[in-house]
Amino acid sequence: VLIQVLLDDRLRFMRPVEVKIEEEGEHFIAQCDEFEEYGYGRNFIEAVDDLRQTLAELYWTLRSEQSRLGRDLANLWQKLGQQMQVI
C-alpha cells in the first residue's frame, strides 16, 4: 500500500511512501520501514490511519526538538523533513 496524505491537513509526503500491512490475530499492523514506524487497528483502515497520525506527530515532535536530537533521531528528522511538505 502507498500513502501520501496524512491525517494532519498541514502535511503531506512529496512522494508516496510504502506501507506493509500484516494481520496478527484480531489486529492489523501498518508498518512503514522507511521511518521505522507502525500503526495498529482492528481493521486495515484503522491501522493505516493510526500510522498516518503517528507519522504526523513524529514530524511535529522532531521539528520542535531538532536542536536537541541525538544522531539517530537527527538522521530520521533529516530524512522525514526532506520528504514531507508543509502545506
C-alpha atoms as a PDB file:
ATOM      1  CA  VAL A   1       0.000   0.000   0.000  1.00  0.00           C
ATOM      2  CA  LEU A   2       1.222   3.533  -0.721  1.00  0.00           C
ATOM      3  CA  ILE A   3       0.304   6.593   1.331  1.00  0.00           C
ATOM      4  CA  GLN A   4       0.968  10.232   0.571  1.00  0.00           C
ATOM      5  CA  VAL A   5      -1.604  12.140   2.630  1.00  0.00           C
ATOM      6  CA  LEU A   6      -1.518  12.211   6.429  1.00  0.00           C
ATOM      7  CA  LEU A   7      -4.309  12.882   8.913  1.00  0.00           C
ATOM      8  CA  ASP A   8      -2.830  16.324   9.552  1.00  0.00           C
ATOM      9  CA  ASP A   9      -4.052  18.666   6.815  1.00  0.00           C
ATOM     10  CA  ARG A  10      -0.867  20.719   7.132  1.00  0.00           C
ATOM     11  CA  LEU A  11       1.378  17.885   5.936  1.00  0.00           C
ATOM     12  CA  ARG A  12       1.816  15.549   3.006  1.00  0.00           C
ATOM     13  CA  PHE A  13       4.602  13.462   1.565  1.00  0.00           C
ATOM     14  CA  MET A  14       6.136  14.776  -1.637  1.00  0.00           C
ATOM     15  CA  ARG A  15       6.072  11.213  -2.971  1.00  0.00           C
ATOM     16  CA  PRO A  16       4.107   8.146  -1.877  1.00  0.00           C
ATOM     17  CA  VAL A  17       5.561   6.093   0.970  1.00  0.00           C
ATOM     18  CA  GLU A  18       5.300   2.304   1.061  1.00  0.00           C
ATOM     19  CA  VAL A  19       3.365   0.705   3.913  1.00  0.00           C
ATOM     20  CA  LYS A  20       3.192  -3.012   4.631  1.00  0.00           C
ATOM     21  CA  ILE A  21       0.064  -4.452   6.217  1.00  0.00           C
ATOM     22  CA  GLU A  22       0.109  -7.521   8.446  1.00  0.00           C
ATOM     23  CA  GLU A  23      -2.698  -9.236  10.258  1.00  0.00           C
ATOM     24  CA  GLU A  24      -1.978 -10.592  13.725  1.00  0.00           C
ATOM     25  CA  GLY A  25      -4.942 -12.302  15.289  1.00  0.00           C
ATOM     26  CA  GLU A  26      -7.737  -9.752  15.536  1.00  0.00           C
ATOM     27  CA  HIS A  27      -5.495  -6.763  14.810  1.00  0.00           C
ATOM     28  CA  PHE A  28      -3.785  -5.206  11.819  1.00  0.00           C
ATOM     29  CA  ILE A  29      -0.360  -3.586  11.760  1.00  0.00           C
ATOM     30  CA  ALA A  30       0.605  -0.939   9.206  1.00  0.00           C
ATOM     31  CA  GLN A  31       4.396  -0.803   9.004  1.00  0.00           C
ATOM     32  CA  CYS A  32       6.484   1.928   7.384  1.00  0.00           C
ATOM     33  CA  ASP A  33      10.045   0.581   7.211  1.00  0.00           C
ATOM     34  CA  GLU A  34      11.380   3.813   5.744  1.00  0.00           C
ATOM     35  CA  PHE A  35      10.726   5.664   9.020  1.00  0.00           C
ATOM     36  CA  GLU A  36      10.535   2.626  11.330  1.00  0.00           C
ATOM     37  CA  GLU A  37       7.002   3.496  12.468  1.00  0.00           C
ATOM     38  CA  TYR A  38       3.873   1.417  12.968  1.00  0.00           C
ATOM     39  CA  GLY A  39       0.131   1.865  13.182  1.00  0.00           C
ATOM     40  CA  TYR A  40      -2.334  -0.503  14.801  1.00  0.00           C
ATOM     41  CA  GLY A  41      -6.038  -1.099  14.400  1.00  0.00           C
ATOM     42  CA  ARG A  42      -8.899  -3.570  14.424  1.00  0.00           C
ATOM     43  CA  ASN A  43      -9.006  -3.383  10.636  1.00  0.00           C
ATOM     44  CA  PHE A  44      -6.869  -2.321   7.696  1.00  0.00           C
ATOM     45  CA  ILE A  45      -8.165   1.255   7.604  1.00  0.00           C
ATOM     46  CA  GLU A  46      -7.714   1.870  11.336  1.00  0.00           C
ATOM     47  CA  ALA A  47      -4.128   0.616  11.166  1.00  0.00           C
ATOM     48  CA  VAL A  48      -3.251   2.857   8.207  1.00  0.00           C
ATOM     49  CA  ASP A  49      -4.950   5.859   9.807  1.00  0.00           C
ATOM     50  CA  ASP A  50      -3.061   5.243  13.051  1.00  0.00           C
ATOM     51  CA  LEU A  51       0.198   5.160  11.099  1.00  0.00           C
ATOM     52  CA  ARG A  52      -0.717   8.353   9.234  1.00  0.00           C
ATOM     53  CA  GLN A  53      -1.372  10.078  12.573  1.00  0.00           C
ATOM     54  CA  THR A  54       1.836   8.677  14.080  1.00  0.00           C
ATOM     55  CA  LEU A  55       3.938   9.992  11.187  1.00  0.00           C
ATOM     56  CA  ALA A  56       2.404  13.463  11.502  1.00  0.00           C
ATOM     57  CA  GLU A  57       3.064  13.524  15.251  1.00  0.00           C
ATOM     58  CA  LEU A  58       6.619  12.309  14.668  1.00  0.00           C
ATOM     59  CA  TYR A  59       7.225  15.140  12.195  1.00  0.00           C
ATOM     60  CA  TRP A  60       5.999  17.871  14.557  1.00  0.00           C
ATOM     61  CA  THR A  61       7.842  16.412  17.559  1.00  0.00           C
ATOM     62  CA  LEU A  62      11.153  16.107  15.731  1.00  0.00           C
ATOM     63  CA  ARG A  63      10.727  19.562  14.261  1.00  0.00           C
ATOM     64  CA  SER A  64      10.176  21.168  17.664  1.00  0.00           C
ATOM     65  CA  GLU A  65      13.063  19.255  19.255  1.00  0.00           C
ATOM     66  CA  GLN A  66      15.539  19.300  16.361  1.00  0.00           C
ATOM     67  CA  SER A  67      18.207  21.243  18.257  1.00  0.00           C
ATOM     68  CA  ARG A  68      18.268  18.555  20.969  1.00  0.00           C
ATOM     69  CA  LEU A  69      18.158  15.371  18.873  1.00  0.00           C
ATOM     70  CA  GLY A  70      20.761  12.650  19.080  1.00  0.00           C
ATOM     71  CA  ARG A  71      22.400  11.328  15.936  1.00  0.00           C
ATOM     72  CA  ASP A  72      19.790   8.669  15.077  1.00  0.00           C
ATOM     73  CA  LEU A  73      16.821  10.969  15.584  1.00  0.00           C
ATOM     74  CA  ALA A  74      18.610  13.796  13.762  1.00  0.00           C
ATOM     75  CA  ASN A  75      19.091  11.458  10.784  1.00  0.00           C
ATOM     76  CA  LEU A  76      15.425  10.465  10.951  1.00  0.00           C
ATOM     77  CA  TRP A  77      14.417  14.141  11.118  1.00  0.00           C
ATOM     78  CA  GLN A  78      16.553  14.933   8.097  1.00  0.00           C
ATOM     79  CA  LYS A  79      15.023  12.077   6.102  1.00  0.00           C
ATOM     80  CA  LEU A  80      11.483  12.925   7.184  1.00  0.00           C
ATOM     81  CA  GLY A  81      11.991  16.653   6.610  1.00  0.00           C
ATOM     82  CA  GLN A  82      13.267  16.070   3.084  1.00  0.00           C
ATOM     83  CA  GLN A  83      10.233  14.011   2.147  1.00  0.00           C
ATOM     84  CA  MET A  84       7.500  15.979   3.912  1.00  0.00           C
ATOM     85  CA  GLN A  85       5.803  19.050   2.554  1.00  0.00           C
ATOM     86  CA  VAL A  86       4.149  21.572   4.878  1.00  0.00           C
ATOM     87  CA  ILE A  87       1.080  22.973   3.138  1.00  0.00           C
END
